[in-house]
Amino acid sequence: MIEEEGESYTLYGKTGQGDGIGWYVGFVVKGDQAYSFATNLDGTSAEAKEATQQILKEFQLVEDQDVEEPDK
């Protein structure tokens, strides 16, 4: 599943959880390279996804997405 698209990358991923374990697996396509990841931790799937996104940002594989606020 496509989770996020930036100007220079596409992030594919899937989350899941059960019995106190959260996971997030997928891959990033950037240019002509693909980078896979798998995160499994004690916690929720949201926590696994957040941890993974921070690491992907540190390695400059994804960018912070600007969130536009709706017009009032």
N, C-alpha and C. Protein backbone atom coordinates (compact mmCIF):
# COMPACT_ATOMS: atom_id res chain seq x y z
N MET A 1 0.84 -1.17 0.00
CA MET A 1 0.00 0.00 0.00
C MET A 1 0.89 1.24 0.00
N ILE A 2 0.55 2.20 -0.82
CA ILE A 2 1.27 3.47 -0.79
C ILE A 2 0.83 4.23 0.45
N GLU A 3 1.81 4.56 1.29
CA GLU A 3 1.56 5.32 2.52
C GLU A 3 1.78 6.81 2.29
N GLU A 4 2.76 7.13 1.42
CA GLU A 4 3.16 8.53 1.28
C GLU A 4 3.93 8.68 -0.03
N GLU A 5 3.71 9.81 -0.70
CA GLU A 5 4.48 10.13 -1.89
C GLU A 5 5.06 11.52 -1.75
N GLY A 6 6.35 11.63 -2.00
CA GLY A 6 7.02 12.92 -2.01
C GLY A 6 7.49 13.22 -3.42
N GLU A 7 8.21 14.31 -3.56
CA GLU A 7 8.71 14.68 -4.88
C GLU A 7 9.71 13.67 -5.41
N SER A 8 10.49 13.06 -4.51
CA SER A 8 11.56 12.17 -4.97
C SER A 8 11.47 10.75 -4.41
N TYR A 9 10.36 10.39 -3.79
CA TYR A 9 10.26 9.06 -3.18
C TYR A 9 8.81 8.61 -3.09
N THR A 10 8.63 7.30 -2.91
CA THR A 10 7.33 6.71 -2.60
C THR A 10 7.55 5.73 -1.45
N LEU A 11 6.73 5.86 -0.42
CA LEU A 11 6.81 5.00 0.76
C LEU A 11 5.65 4.02 0.75
N TYR A 12 5.97 2.73 0.79
CA TYR A 12 4.98 1.66 0.85
C TYR A 12 5.09 1.00 2.22
N GLY A 13 3.96 0.73 2.87
CA GLY A 13 4.06 0.11 4.18
C GLY A 13 2.76 -0.48 4.67
N LYS A 14 2.88 -1.29 5.72
CA LYS A 14 1.73 -1.93 6.36
C LYS A 14 2.03 -2.06 7.84
N THR A 15 1.04 -1.73 8.67
CA THR A 15 1.18 -1.83 10.12
C THR A 15 0.33 -2.99 10.64
N GLY A 16 0.64 -3.39 11.86
CA GLY A 16 -0.16 -4.40 12.55
C GLY A 16 0.24 -4.45 14.01
N GLN A 17 -0.61 -5.11 14.82
CA GLN A 17 -0.29 -5.24 16.24
C GLN A 17 -1.09 -6.38 16.84
N GLY A 18 -0.59 -6.84 17.99
CA GLY A 18 -1.26 -7.89 18.74
C GLY A 18 -0.42 -8.31 19.92
N ASP A 19 -1.07 -8.64 21.02
CA ASP A 19 -0.39 -9.09 22.24
C ASP A 19 0.72 -8.14 22.69
N GLY A 20 0.48 -6.84 22.58
CA GLY A 20 1.44 -5.86 23.06
C GLY A 20 2.61 -5.59 22.12
N ILE A 21 2.56 -6.13 20.91
CA ILE A 21 3.62 -5.95 19.91
C ILE A 21 3.05 -5.14 18.75
N GLY A 22 3.79 -4.12 18.34
CA GLY A 22 3.41 -3.34 17.16
C GLY A 22 4.46 -3.51 16.08
N TRP A 23 4.03 -3.52 14.82
CA TRP A 23 4.99 -3.65 13.74
C TRP A 23 4.63 -2.76 12.56
N TYR A 24 5.65 -2.46 11.78
CA TYR A 24 5.51 -1.66 10.56
C TYR A 24 6.57 -2.17 9.59
N VAL A 25 6.14 -2.63 8.43
CA VAL A 25 7.05 -3.16 7.42
C VAL A 25 6.76 -2.49 6.08
N GLY A 26 7.78 -2.43 5.24
CA GLY A 26 7.58 -1.85 3.92
C GLY A 26 8.88 -1.52 3.23
N PHE A 27 8.79 -0.59 2.28
CA PHE A 27 9.98 -0.16 1.56
C PHE A 27 9.77 1.23 1.01
N VAL A 28 10.89 1.89 0.72
CA VAL A 28 10.90 3.23 0.13
C VAL A 28 11.59 3.11 -1.22
N VAL A 29 10.97 3.68 -2.25
CA VAL A 29 11.60 3.78 -3.56
C VAL A 29 12.03 5.23 -3.73
N LYS A 30 13.33 5.42 -3.91
CA LYS A 30 13.89 6.77 -4.10
C LYS A 30 14.85 6.69 -5.27
N GLY A 31 14.50 7.39 -6.35
CA GLY A 31 15.29 7.29 -7.57
C GLY A 31 15.19 5.87 -8.10
N ASP A 32 16.33 5.28 -8.39
CA ASP A 32 16.33 3.91 -8.91
C ASP A 32 16.71 2.89 -7.82
N GLN A 33 16.58 3.29 -6.55
CA GLN A 33 16.91 2.42 -5.42
C GLN A 33 15.67 2.11 -4.59
N ALA A 34 15.64 0.92 -4.01
CA ALA A 34 14.58 0.55 -3.08
C ALA A 34 15.23 0.18 -1.74
N TYR A 35 14.64 0.65 -0.64
CA TYR A 35 15.16 0.42 0.70
C TYR A 35 14.05 -0.22 1.53
N SER A 36 14.28 -1.42 2.03
CA SER A 36 13.26 -2.11 2.81
C SER A 36 13.47 -1.88 4.29
N PHE A 37 12.39 -2.04 5.08
CA PHE A 37 12.47 -1.88 6.52
C PHE A 37 11.45 -2.79 7.20
N ALA A 38 11.75 -3.15 8.44
CA ALA A 38 10.83 -3.90 9.28
C ALA A 38 11.08 -3.46 10.72
N THR A 39 10.04 -2.98 11.38
CA THR A 39 10.14 -2.54 12.77
C THR A 39 9.16 -3.35 13.59
N ASN A 40 9.64 -3.94 14.68
CA ASN A 40 8.83 -4.76 15.57
C ASN A 40 9.21 -4.34 16.99
N LEU A 41 8.24 -3.83 17.77
CA LEU A 41 8.57 -3.35 19.10
C LEU A 41 7.44 -3.61 20.08
N ASP A 42 7.78 -3.54 21.37
CA ASP A 42 6.76 -3.62 22.41
C ASP A 42 6.00 -2.30 22.39
N GLY A 43 4.73 -2.33 22.01
CA GLY A 43 3.93 -1.13 21.90
C GLY A 43 2.86 -1.31 20.84
N THR A 44 2.46 -0.20 20.25
CA THR A 44 1.40 -0.21 19.25
C THR A 44 1.96 -0.08 17.84
N SER A 45 1.12 -0.34 16.87
CA SER A 45 1.53 -0.17 15.48
C SER A 45 1.84 1.30 15.19
N ALA A 46 1.11 2.22 15.82
CA ALA A 46 1.37 3.65 15.63
C ALA A 46 2.76 4.01 16.14
N GLU A 47 3.17 3.42 17.26
CA GLU A 47 4.51 3.69 17.80
C GLU A 47 5.58 3.11 16.88
N ALA A 48 5.34 1.94 16.32
CA ALA A 48 6.29 1.34 15.39
C ALA A 48 6.43 2.19 14.13
N LYS A 49 5.31 2.70 13.64
CA LYS A 49 5.34 3.54 12.44
C LYS A 49 6.07 4.84 12.70
N GLU A 50 5.80 5.47 13.84
CA GLU A 50 6.46 6.73 14.19
C GLU A 50 7.97 6.54 14.32
N ALA A 51 8.39 5.48 14.99
CA ALA A 51 9.82 5.20 15.15
C ALA A 51 10.48 5.00 13.78
N THR A 52 9.82 4.27 12.91
CA THR A 52 10.36 4.02 11.57
C THR A 52 10.46 5.30 10.78
N GLN A 53 9.43 6.13 10.83
CA GLN A 53 9.44 7.38 10.06
C GLN A 53 10.57 8.29 10.52
N GLN A 54 10.85 8.32 11.82
CA GLN A 54 11.96 9.14 12.31
C GLN A 54 13.29 8.65 11.75
N ILE A 55 13.47 7.34 11.71
CA ILE A 55 14.71 6.77 11.16
C ILE A 55 14.83 7.06 9.67
N LEU A 56 13.74 6.90 8.93
CA LEU A 56 13.77 7.18 7.49
C LEU A 56 14.09 8.65 7.23
N LYS A 57 13.60 9.54 8.07
CA LYS A 57 13.93 10.97 7.93
C LYS A 57 15.39 11.22 8.23
N GLU A 58 15.93 10.58 9.28
CA GLU A 58 17.35 10.74 9.63
C GLU A 58 18.25 10.34 8.47
N PHE A 59 17.88 9.28 7.76
CA PHE A 59 18.67 8.81 6.63
C PHE A 59 18.28 9.50 5.32
N GLN A 60 17.44 10.52 5.42
CA GLN A 60 16.99 11.34 4.29
C GLN A 60 16.36 10.52 3.17
N LEU A 61 15.61 9.49 3.57
CA LEU A 61 14.88 8.69 2.59
C LEU A 61 13.47 9.22 2.38
N VAL A 62 12.93 9.93 3.37
CA VAL A 62 11.64 10.60 3.24
C VAL A 62 11.80 12.02 3.79
N GLU A 63 10.81 12.85 3.51
CA GLU A 63 10.85 14.25 3.93
C GLU A 63 9.68 14.52 4.86
N ASP A 64 9.81 15.59 5.65
CA ASP A 64 8.67 16.05 6.43
C ASP A 64 7.62 16.55 5.46
N GLN A 65 6.40 16.10 5.65
CA GLN A 65 5.31 16.53 4.78
C GLN A 65 4.67 17.79 5.35
N ASP A 66 4.53 18.81 4.53
CA ASP A 66 3.84 20.03 4.95
C ASP A 66 2.35 19.75 4.99
N VAL A 67 1.73 20.09 6.09
CA VAL A 67 0.30 19.91 6.23
C VAL A 67 -0.37 21.26 6.03
N GLU A 68 -1.23 21.33 5.03
CA GLU A 68 -1.91 22.59 4.75
C GLU A 68 -3.17 22.67 5.59
N GLU A 69 -3.35 23.81 6.24
CA GLU A 69 -4.55 24.01 7.01
C GLU A 69 -5.65 24.50 6.09
N PRO A 70 -6.88 24.03 6.31
CA PRO A 70 -7.98 24.48 5.44
C PRO A 70 -8.27 25.96 5.64
N ASP A 71 -8.75 26.59 4.57
CA ASP A 71 -9.12 28.02 4.66
C ASP A 71 -10.27 28.18 5.62
N LYS A 72 -10.21 29.26 6.38
CA LYS A 72 -11.30 29.54 7.35
C LYS A 72 -12.23 30.59 6.79
